[in-house]
Every structure is written in structure tokens, then in C-alpha cells.
């Protein structure tokens, strides 16, 4: 697997566990930004999406990363929308 499709791979592994509407609501505006090996950066549309993903899906995403041979890799969610909290970002372990 190349590094530039790791977010897509994670989402494909998560998709079967979620209701299609929930998956679309929380992940449709997300997108791969970068992967430095130990840190994957992902764009999200709003601060509320960032918080919800961090609170409800981060543990599952880390389990899937471990299954892909990437244990200990961090995920940073960065808000890319025009929201007033646009500068908010969080490095999540």
C-alpha cells in the first residue's frame, strides 16, 4: 500500500461498521493531506466533524492502522473549512 492512499484504506475498513448515512455525515468531507510515516494528516470540513471523529472513531482508526502494520502512527485532523475555528487542529494518539 502506498502512503498516499492510507486514509482511503482506513475509511474502506471502517465503512462496513457504520450506517451509510453516518459514514457520509462524518467522513465525506475528509481527505488525505500527508503521511510522514509516523503522522497521518487528514483534512476535515468543520470543527464539529473533527471533534466527533476524534471522540467516536479514533480508537477504531488506530486499530485499523495497527492491522495495516502501522502501530503507533498518529492521526492529525485539521479543519479545512471556512469555519471560524478553521485554525483548530489536533494531533491525536
N, C-alpha and C. Protein backbone atom coordinates (compact mmCIF):
# COMPACT_ATOMS: atom_id res chain seq x y z
N UNK A 1 0.85 -1.18 0.00
CA UNK A 1 0.00 0.00 0.00
C UNK A 1 0.89 1.23 0.00
N UNK A 2 0.63 2.16 -0.91
CA UNK A 2 1.41 3.40 -0.92
C UNK A 2 0.90 4.34 0.16
N UNK A 3 1.77 5.23 0.61
CA UNK A 3 1.39 6.11 1.72
C UNK A 3 0.28 7.07 1.35
N UNK A 4 0.13 7.41 0.06
CA UNK A 4 -0.87 8.41 -0.28
C UNK A 4 -2.30 7.88 -0.32
N UNK A 5 -2.51 6.60 -0.06
CA UNK A 5 -3.87 6.10 -0.01
C UNK A 5 -4.23 5.48 1.34
N UNK A 6 -3.45 5.77 2.36
CA UNK A 6 -3.69 5.17 3.67
C UNK A 6 -5.04 5.63 4.25
N UNK A 7 -5.42 6.88 4.06
CA UNK A 7 -6.70 7.35 4.60
C UNK A 7 -7.86 6.64 3.90
N UNK A 8 -7.77 6.50 2.58
CA UNK A 8 -8.80 5.79 1.84
C UNK A 8 -8.90 4.34 2.33
N UNK A 9 -7.76 3.71 2.54
CA UNK A 9 -7.76 2.33 3.05
C UNK A 9 -8.40 2.25 4.44
N UNK A 10 -8.09 3.20 5.30
CA UNK A 10 -8.70 3.21 6.64
C UNK A 10 -10.21 3.37 6.54
N UNK A 11 -10.67 4.28 5.69
CA UNK A 11 -12.11 4.50 5.55
C UNK A 11 -12.81 3.28 4.98
N UNK A 12 -12.18 2.60 4.04
CA UNK A 12 -12.79 1.39 3.48
C UNK A 12 -12.91 0.29 4.54
N UNK A 13 -11.99 0.25 5.47
CA UNK A 13 -12.06 -0.74 6.55
C UNK A 13 -13.12 -0.35 7.58
N UNK A 14 -13.34 0.95 7.76
CA UNK A 14 -14.31 1.44 8.74
C UNK A 14 -15.74 1.41 8.20
N UNK A 15 -15.89 1.62 6.90
CA UNK A 15 -17.21 1.75 6.27
C UNK A 15 -18.19 0.64 6.63
N UNK A 16 -17.81 -0.65 6.59
CA UNK A 16 -18.79 -1.72 6.89
C UNK A 16 -19.34 -1.67 8.31
N UNK A 17 -18.64 -1.03 9.23
CA UNK A 17 -19.09 -0.97 10.62
C UNK A 17 -20.12 0.12 10.87
N UNK A 18 -20.32 1.01 9.89
CA UNK A 18 -21.16 2.19 10.11
C UNK A 18 -22.39 2.21 9.23
N UNK A 19 -23.43 2.84 9.73
CA UNK A 19 -24.59 3.13 8.92
C UNK A 19 -24.14 4.03 7.77
N UNK A 20 -24.60 3.79 6.54
CA UNK A 20 -24.15 4.60 5.40
C UNK A 20 -24.34 6.11 5.58
N UNK A 21 -25.45 6.50 6.20
CA UNK A 21 -25.68 7.93 6.43
C UNK A 21 -24.69 8.51 7.44
N UNK A 22 -24.37 7.74 8.48
CA UNK A 22 -23.38 8.20 9.46
C UNK A 22 -22.00 8.31 8.82
N UNK A 23 -21.66 7.31 8.02
CA UNK A 23 -20.36 7.35 7.35
C UNK A 23 -20.26 8.60 6.48
N UNK A 24 -21.28 8.85 5.69
CA UNK A 24 -21.28 10.03 4.81
C UNK A 24 -21.21 11.32 5.62
N UNK A 25 -22.01 11.38 6.69
CA UNK A 25 -22.06 12.60 7.53
C UNK A 25 -20.69 12.94 8.10
N UNK A 26 -19.97 11.94 8.59
CA UNK A 26 -18.73 12.23 9.31
C UNK A 26 -17.48 12.16 8.46
N UNK A 27 -17.51 11.47 7.35
CA UNK A 27 -16.27 11.26 6.59
C UNK A 27 -16.28 11.78 5.15
N UNK A 28 -17.44 12.19 4.63
CA UNK A 28 -17.48 12.58 3.22
C UNK A 28 -16.64 13.82 2.91
N UNK A 29 -16.46 14.71 3.87
CA UNK A 29 -15.66 15.91 3.59
C UNK A 29 -14.20 15.74 4.02
N UNK A 30 -13.86 14.55 4.50
CA UNK A 30 -12.47 14.33 4.92
C UNK A 30 -11.60 13.99 3.72
N UNK A 31 -10.32 14.25 3.86
CA UNK A 31 -9.41 13.91 2.77
C UNK A 31 -7.98 13.83 3.25
N UNK A 32 -7.24 12.98 2.59
CA UNK A 32 -5.83 12.78 2.88
C UNK A 32 -5.06 14.08 2.63
N UNK A 33 -4.18 14.45 3.56
CA UNK A 33 -3.31 15.62 3.38
C UNK A 33 -1.86 15.19 3.24
N UNK A 34 -1.37 14.39 4.21
CA UNK A 34 0.02 13.94 4.14
C UNK A 34 0.25 12.75 5.06
N UNK A 35 1.40 12.10 4.84
CA UNK A 35 1.79 10.96 5.66
C UNK A 35 3.31 10.98 5.78
N UNK A 36 3.79 11.28 6.98
CA UNK A 36 5.24 11.35 7.19
C UNK A 36 5.79 10.03 7.73
N UNK A 37 4.96 9.00 7.80
CA UNK A 37 5.38 7.72 8.33
C UNK A 37 4.86 7.49 9.74
N UNK A 38 5.11 8.46 10.62
CA UNK A 38 4.60 8.32 11.99
C UNK A 38 3.43 9.27 12.26
N UNK A 39 3.03 10.08 11.27
CA UNK A 39 1.93 11.02 11.41
C UNK A 39 1.17 11.13 10.10
N UNK A 40 -0.12 10.82 10.17
CA UNK A 40 -1.00 10.99 9.02
C UNK A 40 -1.83 12.24 9.28
N UNK A 41 -1.83 13.16 8.33
CA UNK A 41 -2.63 14.38 8.45
C UNK A 41 -3.83 14.26 7.52
N UNK A 42 -5.01 14.58 8.07
CA UNK A 42 -6.26 14.44 7.34
C UNK A 42 -7.04 15.75 7.44
N UNK A 43 -7.54 16.23 6.30
CA UNK A 43 -8.41 17.41 6.29
C UNK A 43 -9.82 16.98 6.64
N UNK A 44 -10.50 17.78 7.47
CA UNK A 44 -11.93 17.59 7.75
C UNK A 44 -12.61 18.93 7.52
N UNK A 45 -13.92 18.89 7.28
CA UNK A 45 -14.64 20.08 6.87
C UNK A 45 -14.94 21.08 7.96
N UNK A 46 -15.22 20.60 9.17
CA UNK A 46 -15.62 21.51 10.25
C UNK A 46 -15.01 21.07 11.58
N UNK A 47 -15.02 21.98 12.53
CA UNK A 47 -14.54 21.65 13.87
C UNK A 47 -15.44 20.59 14.52
N UNK A 48 -16.74 20.65 14.27
CA UNK A 48 -17.61 19.63 14.87
C UNK A 48 -17.31 18.24 14.30
N UNK A 49 -16.98 18.15 13.02
CA UNK A 49 -16.58 16.87 12.44
C UNK A 49 -15.27 16.39 13.07
N UNK A 50 -14.32 17.29 13.24
CA UNK A 50 -13.04 16.92 13.85
C UNK A 50 -13.26 16.35 15.25
N UNK A 51 -14.06 17.06 16.05
CA UNK A 51 -14.32 16.60 17.42
C UNK A 51 -15.03 15.25 17.42
N UNK A 52 -16.03 15.09 16.56
CA UNK A 52 -16.81 13.85 16.54
C UNK A 52 -15.94 12.66 16.11
N UNK A 53 -15.15 12.85 15.08
CA UNK A 53 -14.27 11.77 14.62
C UNK A 53 -13.27 11.41 15.72
N UNK A 54 -12.69 12.41 16.36
CA UNK A 54 -11.72 12.16 17.43
C UNK A 54 -12.37 11.41 18.59
N UNK A 55 -13.56 11.79 18.94
CA UNK A 55 -14.23 11.19 20.09
C UNK A 55 -14.78 9.79 19.80
N UNK A 56 -15.34 9.58 18.62
CA UNK A 56 -16.06 8.35 18.35
C UNK A 56 -15.35 7.34 17.45
N UNK A 57 -14.35 7.76 16.69
CA UNK A 57 -13.76 6.85 15.71
C UNK A 57 -12.25 6.68 15.83
N UNK A 58 -11.61 7.48 16.62
CA UNK A 58 -10.15 7.44 16.66
C UNK A 58 -9.60 6.08 17.09
N UNK A 59 -10.20 5.48 18.09
CA UNK A 59 -9.71 4.17 18.56
C UNK A 59 -9.82 3.13 17.44
N UNK A 60 -10.93 3.12 16.72
CA UNK A 60 -11.10 2.17 15.61
C UNK A 60 -10.08 2.44 14.51
N UNK A 61 -9.86 3.71 14.20
CA UNK A 61 -8.88 4.06 13.17
C UNK A 61 -7.48 3.59 13.56
N UNK A 62 -7.13 3.72 14.83
CA UNK A 62 -5.82 3.25 15.28
C UNK A 62 -5.72 1.72 15.24
N UNK A 63 -6.81 1.03 15.54
CA UNK A 63 -6.80 -0.44 15.41
C UNK A 63 -6.57 -0.83 13.96
N UNK A 64 -7.20 -0.14 13.05
CA UNK A 64 -7.02 -0.45 11.63
C UNK A 64 -5.60 -0.11 11.16
N UNK A 65 -5.04 0.98 11.67
CA UNK A 65 -3.65 1.30 11.35
C UNK A 65 -2.72 0.19 11.82
N UNK A 66 -2.96 -0.31 13.02
CA UNK A 66 -2.14 -1.40 13.55
C UNK A 66 -2.28 -2.63 12.67
N UNK A 67 -3.50 -2.92 12.21
CA UNK A 67 -3.73 -4.07 11.34
C UNK A 67 -3.01 -3.90 10.00
N UNK A 68 -2.78 -2.66 9.60
CA UNK A 68 -2.05 -2.37 8.36
C UNK A 68 -0.54 -2.31 8.58
N UNK A 69 -0.11 -2.66 9.81
CA UNK A 69 1.32 -2.65 10.11
C UNK A 69 1.86 -1.29 10.49
N UNK A 70 0.96 -0.40 10.97
CA UNK A 70 1.36 0.95 11.33
C UNK A 70 1.01 1.25 12.79
N UNK A 71 1.36 0.38 13.75
CA UNK A 71 1.05 0.68 15.16
C UNK A 71 1.81 1.92 15.60
N UNK A 72 1.17 2.71 16.43
CA UNK A 72 1.83 3.91 16.95
C UNK A 72 1.77 5.12 16.03
N UNK A 73 1.23 4.96 14.83
CA UNK A 73 1.10 6.09 13.92
C UNK A 73 0.03 7.04 14.45
N UNK A 74 0.33 8.31 14.47
CA UNK A 74 -0.59 9.34 14.95
C UNK A 74 -1.48 9.79 13.79
N UNK A 75 -2.67 10.28 14.13
CA UNK A 75 -3.57 10.87 13.15
C UNK A 75 -3.83 12.30 13.59
N UNK A 76 -3.58 13.25 12.69
CA UNK A 76 -3.86 14.65 12.98
C UNK A 76 -5.00 15.09 12.08
N UNK A 77 -6.08 15.56 12.70
CA UNK A 77 -7.25 16.04 11.97
C UNK A 77 -7.18 17.56 11.92
N UNK A 78 -7.19 18.12 10.73
CA UNK A 78 -7.06 19.56 10.54
C UNK A 78 -8.31 20.07 9.85
N UNK A 79 -8.94 21.08 10.44
CA UNK A 79 -10.14 21.67 9.86
C UNK A 79 -9.76 22.51 8.65
N UNK A 80 -10.38 22.21 7.52
CA UNK A 80 -10.06 22.91 6.29
C UNK A 80 -11.20 23.79 5.79
N UNK A 81 -12.31 23.82 6.51
CA UNK A 81 -13.48 24.60 6.08
C UNK A 81 -13.30 26.09 6.33
N UNK A 82 -14.32 26.83 6.04
CA UNK A 82 -14.31 28.27 6.24
C UNK A 82 -14.90 28.64 7.60
N UNK A 83 -14.91 27.70 8.47
CA UNK A 83 -15.40 27.84 9.82
C UNK A 83 -14.53 28.84 10.59
N UNK A 84 -15.09 29.55 11.56
CA UNK A 84 -14.29 30.49 12.34
C UNK A 84 -13.23 29.78 13.17
N UNK A 85 -13.41 28.49 13.38
CA UNK A 85 -12.42 27.71 14.12
C UNK A 85 -11.48 26.98 13.16
N UNK A 86 -11.33 27.52 11.96
CA UNK A 86 -10.57 26.87 10.90
C UNK A 86 -9.16 26.50 11.31
N UNK A 87 -8.55 27.29 12.14
CA UNK A 87 -7.17 27.04 12.52
C UNK A 87 -7.03 25.89 13.51
N UNK A 88 -8.13 25.42 14.04
CA UNK A 88 -8.08 24.32 15.04
C UNK A 88 -7.49 23.08 14.40
N UNK A 89 -6.59 22.47 15.10
CA UNK A 89 -6.09 21.17 14.69
C UNK A 89 -5.76 20.40 15.94
N UNK A 90 -5.65 19.11 15.79
CA UNK A 90 -5.38 18.28 16.95
C UNK A 90 -4.53 17.11 16.52
N UNK A 91 -3.44 16.89 17.21
CA UNK A 91 -2.62 15.71 16.96
C UNK A 91 -3.09 14.66 17.94
N UNK A 92 -3.59 13.57 17.43
CA UNK A 92 -4.27 12.57 18.25
C UNK A 92 -3.48 11.29 18.29
N UNK A 93 -3.36 10.74 19.48
CA UNK A 93 -2.65 9.47 19.61
C UNK A 93 -3.58 8.35 19.97
